[in-house]
Amino acid sequence: MGKLSTHVLDITAGKPGAGIRIELYAVAPDGKKLLKQTLTNQDGRCSAALLEGPEFQAGQYELTFAAGDYFASQGHVLPAPRFIDLVTIAFGIADPEQNYHVPLVVSPWAYSTYRGS
């Protein structure tokens, strides 16, 4: 059985994004359901898998990262409204036997992601 994990890299400072609030949602035709809320640790990772075991199923999901709050807490002077505030990554899990790693590389002005394992 696979699992879902993530990590955050602050490319402005070249360090892990520690203390970033993350929300995980399951997405269905009738709406979204919040599955988990967590904070990244000092290494920019979640202390445990976001989904694993019987909870880790094929389907559509969203990860929302509170990047704007993180950068404000780091002392960045940000415009109002923030250019990058909540970063939402919508993705699908096709094969729950595999590991899915959905990292976020972020600055106050840009972000990217990719599928890791």
C-alpha atoms as a PDB file:
ATOM      1  CA  MET A   1       0.000   0.000   0.000  1.00  0.00           C
ATOM      2  CA  GLY A   2       1.280   3.475  -0.884  1.00  0.00           C
ATOM      3  CA  LYS A   3       1.109   6.766   0.935  1.00  0.00           C
ATOM      4  CA  LEU A   4       0.786  10.516   0.352  1.00  0.00           C
ATOM      5  CA  SER A   5       3.457  12.911   1.593  1.00  0.00           C
ATOM      6  CA  THR A   6       4.635  16.482   0.990  1.00  0.00           C
ATOM      7  CA  HIS A   7       7.333  18.948   1.904  1.00  0.00           C
ATOM      8  CA  VAL A   8       7.852  22.687   1.423  1.00  0.00           C
ATOM      9  CA  LEU A   9      11.009  24.495   0.327  1.00  0.00           C
ATOM     10  CA  ASP A  10      11.263  28.276   0.796  1.00  0.00           C
ATOM     11  CA  ILE A  11      13.399  29.236  -2.211  1.00  0.00           C
ATOM     12  CA  THR A  12      13.642  32.862  -1.063  1.00  0.00           C
ATOM     13  CA  ALA A  13      15.725  31.812   1.944  1.00  0.00           C
ATOM     14  CA  GLY A  14      16.970  28.489   0.566  1.00  0.00           C
ATOM     15  CA  LYS A  15      15.614  26.545   3.540  1.00  0.00           C
ATOM     16  CA  PRO A  16      12.743  24.248   4.501  1.00  0.00           C
ATOM     17  CA  GLY A  17       9.412  25.957   5.070  1.00  0.00           C
ATOM     18  CA  ALA A  18       8.804  25.243   8.755  1.00  0.00           C
ATOM     19  CA  GLY A  19       5.466  25.869  10.453  1.00  0.00           C
ATOM     20  CA  ILE A  20       3.362  26.097   7.287  1.00  0.00           C
ATOM     21  CA  ARG A  21      -0.297  25.146   7.738  1.00  0.00           C
ATOM     22  CA  ILE A  22      -1.453  22.506   5.269  1.00  0.00           C
ATOM     23  CA  GLU A  23      -4.986  21.292   4.626  1.00  0.00           C
ATOM     24  CA  LEU A  24      -5.789  18.131   2.671  1.00  0.00           C
ATOM     25  CA  TYR A  25      -9.165  17.758   0.968  1.00  0.00           C
ATOM     26  CA  ALA A  26     -10.866  14.926  -0.889  1.00  0.00           C
ATOM     27  CA  VAL A  27     -12.665  16.333  -3.936  1.00  0.00           C
ATOM     28  CA  ALA A  28     -15.875  14.769  -5.262  1.00  0.00           C
ATOM     29  CA  PRO A  29     -18.591  15.967  -7.656  1.00  0.00           C
ATOM     30  CA  ASP A  30     -20.690  17.053  -4.660  1.00  0.00           C
ATOM     31  CA  GLY A  31     -17.919  19.122  -3.050  1.00  0.00           C
ATOM     32  CA  LYS A  32     -14.766  18.980  -0.955  1.00  0.00           C
ATOM     33  CA  LYS A  33     -14.230  17.241   2.378  1.00  0.00           C
ATOM     34  CA  LEU A  34     -11.440  18.279   4.749  1.00  0.00           C
ATOM     35  CA  LEU A  35      -9.431  15.169   5.620  1.00  0.00           C
ATOM     36  CA  LYS A  36      -6.494  16.575   7.561  1.00  0.00           C
ATOM     37  CA  GLN A  37      -4.877  19.756   8.872  1.00  0.00           C
ATOM     38  CA  THR A  38      -1.231  19.802   9.874  1.00  0.00           C
ATOM     39  CA  LEU A  39       1.886  21.968  10.139  1.00  0.00           C
ATOM     40  CA  THR A  40       5.248  21.355   8.533  1.00  0.00           C
ATOM     41  CA  ASN A  41       8.069  20.505  10.915  1.00  0.00           C
ATOM     42  CA  GLN A  42      11.563  22.077  11.057  1.00  0.00           C
ATOM     43  CA  ASP A  43      12.532  20.079   7.967  1.00  0.00           C
ATOM     44  CA  GLY A  44       9.562  21.466   5.993  1.00  0.00           C
ATOM     45  CA  ARG A  45       7.894  18.042   6.069  1.00  0.00           C
ATOM     46  CA  CYS A  46       4.858  16.596   7.787  1.00  0.00           C
ATOM     47  CA  SER A  47       5.738  14.405  10.745  1.00  0.00           C
ATOM     48  CA  ALA A  48       3.562  11.587   9.364  1.00  0.00           C
ATOM     49  CA  ALA A  49       2.108  10.597   5.999  1.00  0.00           C
ATOM     50  CA  LEU A  50      -0.912  12.667   5.003  1.00  0.00           C
ATOM     51  CA  LEU A  51      -2.733   9.535   3.839  1.00  0.00           C
ATOM     52  CA  GLU A  52      -1.826   5.866   4.130  1.00  0.00           C
ATOM     53  CA  GLY A  53      -3.387   2.491   4.742  1.00  0.00           C
ATOM     54  CA  PRO A  54      -7.116   2.172   4.050  1.00  0.00           C
ATOM     55  CA  GLU A  55      -7.495   6.000   3.882  1.00  0.00           C
ATOM     56  CA  PHE A  56      -5.180   6.128   0.850  1.00  0.00           C
ATOM     57  CA  GLN A  57      -7.552   5.626  -2.069  1.00  0.00           C
ATOM     58  CA  ALA A  58      -7.733   6.550  -5.731  1.00  0.00           C
ATOM     59  CA  GLY A  59      -9.450   9.868  -6.323  1.00  0.00           C
ATOM     60  CA  GLN A  60      -9.106  13.618  -6.643  1.00  0.00           C
ATOM     61  CA  TYR A  61      -7.487  15.636  -3.853  1.00  0.00           C
ATOM     62  CA  GLU A  62      -6.319  19.144  -3.025  1.00  0.00           C
ATOM     63  CA  LEU A  63      -3.502  20.330  -0.807  1.00  0.00           C
ATOM     64  CA  THR A  64      -3.742  23.935   0.395  1.00  0.00           C
ATOM     65  CA  PHE A  65      -0.613  25.577   1.814  1.00  0.00           C
ATOM     66  CA  ALA A  66      -0.820  28.825   3.842  1.00  0.00           C
ATOM     67  CA  ALA A  67       2.255  30.274   2.135  1.00  0.00           C
ATOM     68  CA  GLY A  68       1.312  33.928   2.617  1.00  0.00           C
ATOM     69  CA  ASP A  69       1.046  33.557   6.405  1.00  0.00           C
ATOM     70  CA  TYR A  70       4.399  31.776   6.426  1.00  0.00           C
ATOM     71  CA  PHE A  71       6.196  34.530   4.487  1.00  0.00           C
ATOM     72  CA  ALA A  72       4.613  37.226   6.666  1.00  0.00           C
ATOM     73  CA  SER A  73       5.867  35.352   9.753  1.00  0.00           C
ATOM     74  CA  GLN A  74       9.371  35.375   8.230  1.00  0.00           C
ATOM     75  CA  GLY A  75       9.364  39.184   8.120  1.00  0.00           C
ATOM     76  CA  HIS A  76       8.662  39.648   4.411  1.00  0.00           C
ATOM     77  CA  VAL A  77       6.796  42.853   3.628  1.00  0.00           C
ATOM     78  CA  LEU A  78       3.995  41.668   1.373  1.00  0.00           C
ATOM     79  CA  PRO A  79       1.516  43.730  -0.648  1.00  0.00           C
ATOM     80  CA  ALA A  80      -2.167  43.694   0.203  1.00  0.00           C
ATOM     81  CA  PRO A  81      -3.605  41.557  -1.172  1.00  0.00           C
ATOM     82  CA  ARG A  82      -0.720  39.093  -1.227  1.00  0.00           C
ATOM     83  CA  PHE A  83       0.349  37.849  -4.650  1.00  0.00           C
ATOM     84  CA  ILE A  84       0.967  34.307  -3.310  1.00  0.00           C
ATOM     85  CA  ASP A  85      -1.267  33.590  -0.322  1.00  0.00           C
ATOM     86  CA  LEU A  86      -2.998  30.209  -0.272  1.00  0.00           C
ATOM     87  CA  VAL A  87      -1.410  27.769  -2.708  1.00  0.00           C
ATOM     88  CA  THR A  88      -3.801  25.026  -3.767  1.00  0.00           C
ATOM     89  CA  ILE A  89      -2.506  22.029  -5.668  1.00  0.00           C
ATOM     90  CA  ALA A  90      -5.203  19.841  -7.215  1.00  0.00           C
ATOM     91  CA  PHE A  91      -4.020  16.337  -8.078  1.00  0.00           C
ATOM     92  CA  GLY A  92      -5.234  12.813  -8.612  1.00  0.00           C
ATOM     93  CA  ILE A  93      -4.217   9.491  -7.125  1.00  0.00           C
ATOM     94  CA  ALA A  94      -4.648   6.793  -9.759  1.00  0.00           C
ATOM     95  CA  ASP A  95      -2.814   3.894  -8.103  1.00  0.00           C
ATOM     96  CA  PRO A  96      -2.946   3.643  -4.294  1.00  0.00           C
ATOM     97  CA  GLU A  97      -0.253   0.946  -4.404  1.00  0.00           C
ATOM     98  CA  GLN A  98       2.314   3.653  -5.254  1.00  0.00           C
ATOM     99  CA  ASN A  99       3.742   6.471  -3.152  1.00  0.00           C
ATOM    100  CA  TYR A 100       2.689   9.992  -4.104  1.00  0.00           C
ATOM    101  CA  HIS A 101       4.865  12.872  -2.941  1.00  0.00           C
ATOM    102  CA  VAL A 102       3.539  16.359  -3.751  1.00  0.00           C
ATOM    103  CA  PRO A 103       6.168  18.944  -2.774  1.00  0.00           C
ATOM    104  CA  LEU A 104       5.838  22.726  -2.907  1.00  0.00           C
ATOM    105  CA  VAL A 105       8.735  24.993  -3.891  1.00  0.00           C
ATOM    106  CA  VAL A 106       7.604  28.540  -3.060  1.00  0.00           C
ATOM    107  CA  SER A 107       8.521  32.204  -2.743  1.00  0.00           C
ATOM    108  CA  PRO A 108       6.245  35.237  -2.207  1.00  0.00           C
ATOM    109  CA  TRP A 109       6.132  35.598  -6.018  1.00  0.00           C
ATOM    110  CA  ALA A 110       6.077  32.093  -7.514  1.00  0.00           C
ATOM    111  CA  TYR A 111       5.630  28.399  -6.803  1.00  0.00           C
ATOM    112  CA  SER A 112       6.044  25.025  -8.467  1.00  0.00           C
ATOM    113  CA  THR A 113       5.370  21.394  -7.746  1.00  0.00           C
ATOM    114  CA  TYR A 114       5.995  17.978  -9.239  1.00  0.00           C
ATOM    115  CA  ARG A 115       5.113  14.382  -8.536  1.00  0.00           C
ATOM    116  CA  GLY A 116       7.727  12.645  -6.467  1.00  0.00           C
ATOM    117  CA  SER A 117       7.551   9.191  -4.945  1.00  0.00           C
END
